[in-house]
Structure formats: C-alpha cells, structure tokens
Protein backbone atom coordinates (compact mmCIF):
# COMPACT_ATOMS: atom_id res chain seq x y z
CA UNK A 1 113.72 176.85 -38.79
CA UNK A 2 113.51 174.40 -41.70
CA UNK A 3 110.46 172.30 -42.38
CA UNK A 4 110.63 168.50 -42.13
CA UNK A 5 110.81 168.05 -45.92
CA UNK A 6 113.66 170.55 -46.27
CA UNK A 7 115.53 168.91 -43.42
CA UNK A 8 115.19 165.50 -45.10
CA UNK A 9 116.49 166.91 -48.40
CA UNK A 10 119.48 168.48 -46.67
CA UNK A 11 120.24 165.20 -44.89
CA UNK A 12 120.03 163.26 -48.17
CA UNK A 13 122.44 165.68 -49.85
CA UNK A 14 124.87 165.30 -46.95
CA UNK A 15 124.61 161.48 -47.10
CA UNK A 16 125.27 161.45 -50.86
CA UNK A 17 128.25 163.77 -50.33
CA UNK A 18 129.76 161.40 -47.76
CA UNK A 19 129.17 158.46 -50.09
CA UNK A 20 131.03 160.28 -52.88
CA UNK A 21 133.94 161.04 -50.54
CA UNK A 22 134.07 157.44 -49.30
CA UNK A 23 134.42 156.29 -52.91
CA UNK A 24 137.38 158.68 -53.28
CA UNK A 25 139.55 156.51 -51.01
CA UNK A 26 140.97 154.73 -54.04
CA UNK A 27 144.65 155.52 -54.26
CA UNK A 28 147.69 154.95 -56.41
CA UNK A 29 150.43 153.10 -54.52
CA UNK A 30 152.97 155.31 -56.32
CA UNK A 31 151.71 158.26 -54.24
CA UNK A 32 153.46 156.89 -51.13
CA UNK A 33 156.95 155.80 -50.07
CA UNK A 34 158.06 152.48 -51.55
CA UNK A 35 161.53 152.02 -50.04
CA UNK A 36 163.51 152.90 -46.92
CA UNK A 37 166.78 154.56 -47.94
CA UNK A 38 168.27 155.01 -44.47
CA UNK A 39 167.15 154.49 -40.88
CA UNK A 40 168.85 155.66 -37.70
CA UNK A 41 166.88 154.78 -34.60
CA UNK A 42 166.64 157.63 -32.12
CA UNK A 43 166.31 157.44 -28.38
CA UNK A 44 163.06 156.95 -26.50
CA UNK A 45 161.51 154.40 -28.85
CA UNK A 46 158.15 153.35 -27.39
CA UNK A 47 156.60 149.90 -27.48
CA UNK A 48 153.31 148.44 -28.61
CA UNK A 49 151.54 147.92 -25.28
CA UNK A 50 149.67 144.84 -26.54
CA UNK A 51 152.69 142.91 -27.87
CA UNK A 52 155.68 144.70 -26.34
CA UNK A 53 157.14 145.10 -29.85
CA UNK A 54 159.14 148.34 -30.25
CA UNK A 55 158.00 151.11 -32.61
CA UNK A 56 161.21 150.84 -34.64
CA UNK A 57 160.29 149.09 -37.88
CA UNK A 58 161.15 151.57 -40.66
CA UNK A 59 159.07 149.55 -43.14
CA UNK A 60 155.90 150.60 -41.30
CA UNK A 61 156.39 154.02 -42.94
CA UNK A 62 155.96 152.52 -46.42
CA UNK A 63 152.74 152.62 -48.38
CA UNK A 64 149.46 154.30 -47.61
CA UNK A 65 148.95 155.65 -44.08
CA UNK A 66 146.97 153.44 -41.74
CA UNK A 67 143.20 154.01 -41.91
CA UNK A 68 142.18 151.14 -39.61
CA UNK A 69 143.82 149.59 -36.57
CA UNK A 70 142.95 146.75 -34.22
CA UNK A 71 140.87 146.89 -31.08
CA UNK A 72 142.45 147.71 -27.72
CA UNK A 73 141.31 144.44 -26.07
CA UNK A 74 139.53 146.41 -23.32
CA UNK A 75 136.44 147.67 -25.13
CA UNK A 76 137.02 146.23 -28.60
CA UNK A 77 138.51 142.78 -29.34
CA UNK A 78 142.03 142.83 -30.82
CA UNK A 79 140.80 140.99 -33.92
CA UNK A 80 138.24 143.69 -34.76
CA UNK A 81 139.14 146.59 -37.05
CA UNK A 82 138.46 150.15 -35.88
CA UNK A 83 139.07 153.45 -37.71
CA UNK A 84 142.18 155.47 -36.91
CA UNK A 85 141.53 158.88 -35.39
CA UNK A 86 143.83 161.35 -37.20
CA UNK A 87 144.88 163.21 -34.04
CA UNK A 88 146.30 160.10 -32.33
CA UNK A 89 149.79 158.64 -32.96
CA UNK A 90 150.26 155.16 -34.40
CA UNK A 91 148.51 152.64 -32.14
CA UNK A 92 150.40 149.48 -33.10
CA UNK A 93 154.09 148.88 -33.85
CA UNK A 94 153.36 147.89 -37.47
CA UNK A 95 151.52 151.14 -38.29
CA UNK A 96 152.36 154.73 -39.00
CA UNK A 97 149.87 157.35 -37.90
CA UNK A 98 147.75 159.32 -40.33
CA UNK A 99 147.87 163.09 -40.01
CA UNK A 100 146.31 165.91 -41.99
C-alpha cells in the first residue's frame, strides 16, 4: 500500500497527464471531410426525438466529429452542453457520432 505522500504524487502526475491530453484537442480542419460528393439516403432513417428532424443531413458528416451535444431536456436542459460518450450513436440530427 502506498503512503499518503506517494499517493498524492501519483495523483498529481495523472492530473498533469490529463491536462496535457486536453491541450492536444487542437486539430487541423484539413484532417476531416470538407465536402459531400454523393448521398443516397437508405431506408430506416431515424429522427431526432427532440425536434422530429430526420437524421438525413449529409453535411453533418463534415468536419471534426462531435465532442459535445445538447442536454436531453429530462435531466439536463437542452441549452446546456454535455460531452458525447463515444459508444453512443449521434444524439441530434445535426451531429455525427464519434467512435474510436
């Protein structure tokens, strides 16, 4: 078992590591799609349950993947930003999900 001082040092190192990673979120827009060449809508297109808008906007696939979405209006107000969980699909019609 580690002593209190060693535990604090380990926690500080972990915090600094996360801070360094958070700073690494800078990106070059050229790393992502910039134009839709062709779009053929398939069957079974779902809808955004808050607005009823269909998930069929091909432009939502352009640019950096979504890192934040809006609240669900049950637990979090719609106007409040919340982080996207990478294992969930896109939450809103104007987003594309982020996957690893």
